[in-house]
Amino acid sequence: LGTYPWWPAVVYEPDDERIPKVVKKQRDLARRPENGPLHLVQFFDKASQWQWVELSKLLLLGENQELDSELLAPQSRRQRWRTSGIRKDCRDAYQYALA
């Protein structure tokens, strides 16, 4: 995930019945972190993608207005936007996630 921008997502418990079986199987293939377990997220992107991620790759959404503003800013120290369209999609995902 190092090359991808921070993106709004929902975190699931591994035993949640809504998780597709193929996604559950991906956990066994995912890189095992040395710093703890992997957490399953479903991104608020156009494809509703699933990913197993380390805790260090997660930030709380809507808990810190300064952090949220920084992550959505056109010129961010934490976020790199390849295009303005990607930034717009992320902003839209953020609004959807908080709704």
Protein backbone atom coordinates (compact mmCIF):
# COMPACT_ATOMS: atom_id res chain seq x y z
CA LEU A 1 0.00 0.00 0.00
CA GLY A 2 3.01 2.28 0.16
CA THR A 3 2.33 3.80 -3.26
CA TYR A 4 -1.39 4.30 -2.74
CA PRO A 5 -2.97 7.33 -1.08
CA TRP A 6 -4.70 7.05 2.28
CA TRP A 7 -8.26 6.09 1.39
CA PRO A 8 -11.45 5.82 3.47
CA ALA A 9 -12.39 2.24 4.33
CA VAL A 10 -14.38 0.20 6.83
CA VAL A 11 -12.63 -2.37 9.03
CA TYR A 12 -14.23 -5.82 9.36
CA GLU A 13 -13.86 -8.52 11.99
CA PRO A 14 -12.32 -11.61 10.30
CA ASP A 15 -15.37 -13.76 11.09
CA ASP A 16 -17.94 -11.32 9.64
CA GLU A 17 -20.43 -13.25 7.47
CA ARG A 18 -20.52 -10.45 4.86
CA ILE A 19 -16.91 -11.09 3.83
CA PRO A 20 -16.68 -13.01 0.53
CA LYS A 21 -15.01 -16.41 0.85
CA VAL A 22 -12.36 -15.50 -1.72
CA VAL A 23 -11.37 -12.49 0.42
CA LYS A 24 -11.08 -14.67 3.53
CA LYS A 25 -8.78 -17.03 1.60
CA GLN A 26 -6.56 -14.10 0.59
CA ARG A 27 -5.54 -13.70 4.22
CA ASP A 28 -3.46 -16.87 3.99
CA LEU A 29 -1.63 -15.45 0.97
CA ALA A 30 -1.11 -11.98 2.45
CA ARG A 31 2.32 -10.94 3.66
CA ARG A 32 2.56 -11.54 7.39
CA PRO A 33 3.71 -8.44 9.27
CA GLU A 34 6.16 -8.69 12.10
CA ASN A 35 4.26 -6.01 14.02
CA GLY A 36 1.02 -7.87 14.64
CA PRO A 37 -2.06 -9.17 12.86
CA LEU A 38 -3.56 -8.12 9.57
CA HIS A 39 -6.89 -6.28 9.52
CA LEU A 40 -9.46 -6.59 6.76
CA VAL A 41 -10.75 -3.38 5.21
CA GLN A 42 -13.15 -2.63 2.39
CA PHE A 43 -12.35 0.64 0.68
CA PHE A 44 -14.94 3.25 -0.22
CA ASP A 45 -13.67 3.30 -3.79
CA LYS A 46 -15.61 2.71 -7.01
CA ALA A 47 -14.81 -1.03 -6.94
CA SER A 48 -15.33 -1.53 -3.16
CA GLN A 49 -11.99 -3.33 -3.01
CA TRP A 50 -10.93 -5.51 -0.07
CA GLN A 51 -7.43 -5.59 1.42
CA TRP A 52 -5.66 -7.17 4.40
CA VAL A 53 -3.50 -4.43 5.97
CA GLU A 54 -1.24 -3.87 8.93
CA LEU A 55 -2.40 -1.67 11.78
CA SER A 56 0.35 0.83 10.88
CA LYS A 57 -1.47 1.41 7.56
CA LEU A 58 -4.71 2.46 9.28
CA LEU A 59 -5.76 5.88 10.54
CA LEU A 60 -9.05 6.76 12.23
CA LEU A 61 -11.38 8.70 9.98
CA GLY A 62 -13.42 11.55 11.41
CA GLU A 63 -11.65 11.57 14.78
CA ASN A 64 -9.14 14.36 14.11
CA GLN A 65 -10.27 17.24 11.88
CA GLU A 66 -6.71 18.50 11.41
CA LEU A 67 -5.52 15.09 10.19
CA ASP A 68 -8.55 14.64 7.93
CA SER A 69 -8.00 18.09 6.41
CA GLU A 70 -4.32 17.31 5.82
CA LEU A 71 -5.13 14.01 4.09
CA LEU A 72 -7.63 15.70 1.77
CA ALA A 73 -5.62 18.85 1.01
CA PRO A 74 -4.46 19.52 -2.56
CA GLN A 75 -0.89 19.94 -1.26
CA SER A 76 -0.46 17.45 1.56
CA ARG A 77 2.68 16.36 3.41
CA ARG A 78 1.14 12.91 4.01
CA GLN A 79 -0.74 12.35 0.76
CA ARG A 80 0.43 12.22 -2.84
CA TRP A 81 -2.16 12.75 -5.54
CA ARG A 82 -1.32 11.49 -9.03
CA THR A 83 -4.26 13.40 -10.49
CA SER A 84 -6.89 15.85 -9.34
CA GLY A 85 -9.50 13.21 -10.29
CA ILE A 86 -8.07 10.77 -7.76
CA ARG A 87 -8.15 13.49 -5.10
CA LYS A 88 -11.81 14.20 -5.96
CA ASP A 89 -12.66 10.48 -5.76
CA CYS A 90 -11.00 10.29 -2.34
CA ARG A 91 -12.86 13.37 -1.10
CA ASP A 92 -16.14 11.85 -2.35
CA ALA A 93 -15.28 8.55 -0.59
CA TYR A 94 -14.54 10.49 2.60
CA GLN A 95 -17.94 12.21 2.48
CA TYR A 96 -19.68 8.86 1.79
CA ALA A 97 -17.82 7.14 4.66
CA LEU A 98 -18.88 9.81 7.15
CA ALA A 99 -22.53 9.84 6.01
